[in-house]
Amino acid sequence: MPFTDRRIRRIRPSLAAVAAVCVAALLCGGCAGKAEEAQEAGKTEKTEKAGKAAEAAGPPSSSIEEIATAIGCTAEVSVEAEELRQGGCETGQGPYRMATFAADTGLRSWLTEAQTYGGLYLVGDRWVVTAQTTEALAALRERLGGSLETGATHGEHSAHS
């Protein structure tokens, strides 16, 4: 290729413009770091508060094993999580399902969701037991306490029109 005598213009930024960009980058970088620190501090504070609330609440008044003993069976634990334990057993009166919760809000959320499907529930202090008959739960209530609650009947489901 032949060489042409075109002059290439070079753009030389002014020193003031370069300085302004550097200062802006430093300031923004410092702000982002402080925002991240504040965000992390907020997360840590929320986690600590949740942990303290769970510690203050203590364990449920009855464990799955204690509930199963009151029923007269040996529970098989099917879910072992930080927020709940769930299990079940069977007697001559039929199957029982039970769950214990780390917090009352977990019990209430679980119960609200479960009751949309109907059923019978014996509800205590952060624990719940389900059975097929009111009689089975009424007998258990005499041993454990709690209150009997029922879920929606099939006709009450909002999903069915």
Protein backbone atom coordinates (compact mmCIF):
# COMPACT_ATOMS: atom_id res chain seq x y z
CA MET A 1 0.00 0.00 0.00
CA PRO A 2 1.29 3.35 -0.84
CA PHE A 3 2.00 5.71 1.95
CA THR A 4 -0.24 8.71 2.01
CA ASP A 5 0.68 11.90 3.64
CA ARG A 6 -2.42 12.13 5.71
CA ARG A 7 -1.93 13.61 9.01
CA ILE A 8 -3.44 11.67 11.82
CA ARG A 9 -4.99 13.86 14.33
CA ARG A 10 -4.47 12.85 17.84
CA ILE A 11 -6.84 13.91 20.46
CA ARG A 12 -5.09 14.91 23.58
CA PRO A 13 -7.32 15.17 26.55
CA SER A 14 -6.71 18.03 28.81
CA LEU A 15 -5.11 17.42 32.14
CA ALA A 16 -8.15 18.87 33.93
CA ALA A 17 -10.53 16.36 32.28
CA VAL A 18 -8.33 13.40 33.22
CA ALA A 19 -8.10 14.63 36.81
CA ALA A 20 -11.89 15.04 37.00
CA VAL A 21 -12.48 11.46 35.80
CA CYS A 22 -9.98 10.07 38.32
CA VAL A 23 -11.54 11.99 41.21
CA ALA A 24 -15.05 10.85 40.20
CA ALA A 25 -13.90 7.21 40.02
CA LEU A 26 -12.32 7.44 43.46
CA LEU A 27 -15.38 9.04 45.00
CA CYS A 28 -17.79 6.53 43.46
CA GLY A 29 -15.59 3.63 44.50
CA GLY A 30 -15.57 4.87 48.08
CA CYS A 31 -19.35 5.29 48.09
CA ALA A 32 -19.91 1.80 46.73
CA GLY A 33 -17.71 0.30 49.42
CA LYS A 34 -19.64 2.08 52.17
CA ALA A 35 -22.98 1.04 50.66
CA GLU A 36 -21.84 -2.59 50.57
CA GLU A 37 -20.61 -2.36 54.17
CA ALA A 38 -23.95 -0.89 55.29
CA GLN A 39 -25.84 -3.59 53.39
CA GLU A 40 -23.75 -6.36 54.98
CA ALA A 41 -24.21 -4.80 58.42
CA GLY A 42 -27.98 -4.76 57.85
CA LYS A 43 -27.97 -8.44 56.84
CA THR A 44 -25.91 -9.39 59.86
CA GLU A 45 -28.21 -7.44 62.18
CA LYS A 46 -31.33 -9.13 60.71
CA THR A 47 -29.73 -12.57 61.01
CA GLU A 48 -28.74 -11.89 64.62
CA LYS A 49 -32.26 -10.68 65.48
CA ALA A 50 -33.83 -13.79 63.90
CA GLY A 51 -31.40 -16.02 65.77
CA LYS A 52 -32.13 -14.28 69.09
CA ALA A 53 -35.88 -14.57 68.50
CA ALA A 54 -35.55 -18.28 67.80
CA GLU A 55 -33.38 -18.75 70.91
CA ALA A 56 -35.82 -16.79 73.04
CA ALA A 57 -38.70 -18.91 71.76
CA GLY A 58 -36.93 -22.14 72.69
CA PRO A 59 -38.02 -25.56 71.52
CA PRO A 60 -41.71 -26.40 70.93
CA SER A 61 -43.62 -27.50 74.03
CA SER A 62 -43.76 -31.07 72.67
CA SER A 63 -41.33 -32.88 70.39
CA ILE A 64 -42.40 -35.26 67.65
CA GLU A 65 -41.22 -38.13 69.84
CA GLU A 66 -43.30 -36.89 72.81
CA ILE A 67 -46.36 -36.49 70.59
CA ALA A 68 -45.88 -40.01 69.17
CA THR A 69 -45.59 -41.41 72.71
CA ALA A 70 -48.88 -39.70 73.63
CA ILE A 71 -50.46 -41.25 70.52
CA GLY A 72 -49.03 -44.67 71.37
CA CYS A 73 -46.73 -45.16 68.41
CA THR A 74 -43.15 -44.57 67.28
CA ALA A 75 -42.73 -41.62 64.91
CA GLU A 76 -40.76 -41.82 61.72
CA VAL A 77 -39.26 -38.38 61.11
CA SER A 78 -39.45 -37.49 57.43
CA VAL A 79 -38.31 -33.84 57.51
CA GLU A 80 -35.54 -32.55 59.74
CA ALA A 81 -34.95 -28.85 59.04
CA GLU A 82 -34.01 -25.81 61.07
CA GLU A 83 -37.50 -24.35 60.87
CA LEU A 84 -39.52 -27.56 61.30
CA ARG A 85 -39.53 -31.30 61.99
CA GLN A 86 -42.19 -33.46 60.44
CA GLY A 87 -43.05 -37.11 60.86
CA GLY A 88 -45.79 -39.63 61.21
CA CYS A 89 -46.94 -42.94 62.62
CA GLU A 90 -49.93 -45.24 62.56
CA THR A 91 -52.12 -46.89 65.19
CA GLY A 92 -55.38 -48.84 65.15
CA GLN A 93 -57.16 -45.49 64.85
CA GLY A 94 -55.34 -44.74 61.59
CA PRO A 95 -52.41 -42.65 60.44
CA TYR A 96 -51.19 -39.54 62.24
CA ARG A 97 -48.96 -36.81 60.82
CA MET A 98 -47.20 -34.38 63.13
CA ALA A 99 -44.96 -31.36 62.78
CA THR A 100 -43.11 -29.11 65.21
CA PHE A 101 -41.93 -25.61 64.36
CA ALA A 102 -39.09 -23.35 65.48
CA ALA A 103 -41.38 -20.31 65.46
CA ASP A 104 -45.10 -19.66 65.80
CA THR A 105 -45.09 -17.84 62.45
CA GLY A 106 -43.93 -21.08 60.79
CA LEU A 107 -46.79 -22.99 62.40
CA ARG A 108 -49.33 -20.38 61.32
CA SER A 109 -48.02 -20.29 57.74
CA TRP A 110 -48.04 -24.09 57.51
CA LEU A 111 -51.53 -24.31 58.99
CA THR A 112 -52.95 -21.61 56.72
CA GLU A 113 -51.62 -23.45 53.66
CA ALA A 114 -52.67 -26.92 54.89
CA GLN A 115 -56.20 -25.88 55.87
CA THR A 116 -57.02 -24.94 52.30
CA TYR A 117 -57.04 -28.69 51.60
CA GLY A 118 -59.43 -29.47 54.45
CA GLY A 119 -58.68 -31.88 57.25
CA LEU A 120 -58.59 -31.93 61.02
CA TYR A 121 -55.80 -30.43 63.11
CA LEU A 122 -54.83 -30.54 66.76
CA VAL A 123 -52.78 -27.38 67.24
CA GLY A 124 -50.53 -26.69 70.22
CA ASP A 125 -47.58 -24.47 71.08
CA ARG A 126 -45.59 -24.66 67.81
CA TRP A 127 -46.79 -28.18 66.99
CA VAL A 128 -49.64 -29.67 64.99
CA VAL A 129 -51.05 -33.18 64.57
CA THR A 130 -53.40 -34.37 61.85
CA ALA A 131 -55.56 -37.50 61.87
CA GLN A 132 -58.52 -38.84 59.93
CA THR A 133 -61.11 -38.54 62.70
CA THR A 134 -62.12 -35.95 65.24
CA GLU A 135 -62.33 -38.73 67.85
CA ALA A 136 -58.65 -39.62 67.41
CA LEU A 137 -57.59 -35.99 67.84
CA ALA A 138 -60.02 -35.39 70.74
CA ALA A 139 -58.47 -38.30 72.67
CA LEU A 140 -54.99 -36.95 71.95
CA ARG A 141 -56.08 -33.49 73.04
CA GLU A 142 -56.86 -34.85 76.50
CA ARG A 143 -53.21 -35.94 76.81
CA LEU A 144 -51.42 -33.06 75.04
CA GLY A 145 -53.76 -30.09 75.20
CA GLY A 146 -54.08 -27.81 72.19
CA SER A 147 -57.11 -26.79 70.16
CA LEU A 148 -59.01 -28.63 67.44
CA GLU A 149 -59.21 -26.84 64.11
CA THR A 150 -60.68 -27.85 60.79
CA GLY A 151 -59.72 -26.93 57.27
CA ALA A 152 -61.93 -25.86 54.40
CA THR A 153 -64.37 -28.40 53.04
CA HIS A 154 -64.02 -29.33 49.39
CA GLY A 155 -66.75 -26.92 48.33
CA GLU A 156 -64.97 -23.99 50.02
CA HIS A 157 -61.82 -24.16 47.88
CA SER A 158 -61.37 -20.84 46.13
CA ALA A 159 -59.67 -22.54 43.17
CA HIS A 160 -62.85 -24.36 42.22
CA SER A 161 -65.56 -22.36 40.51
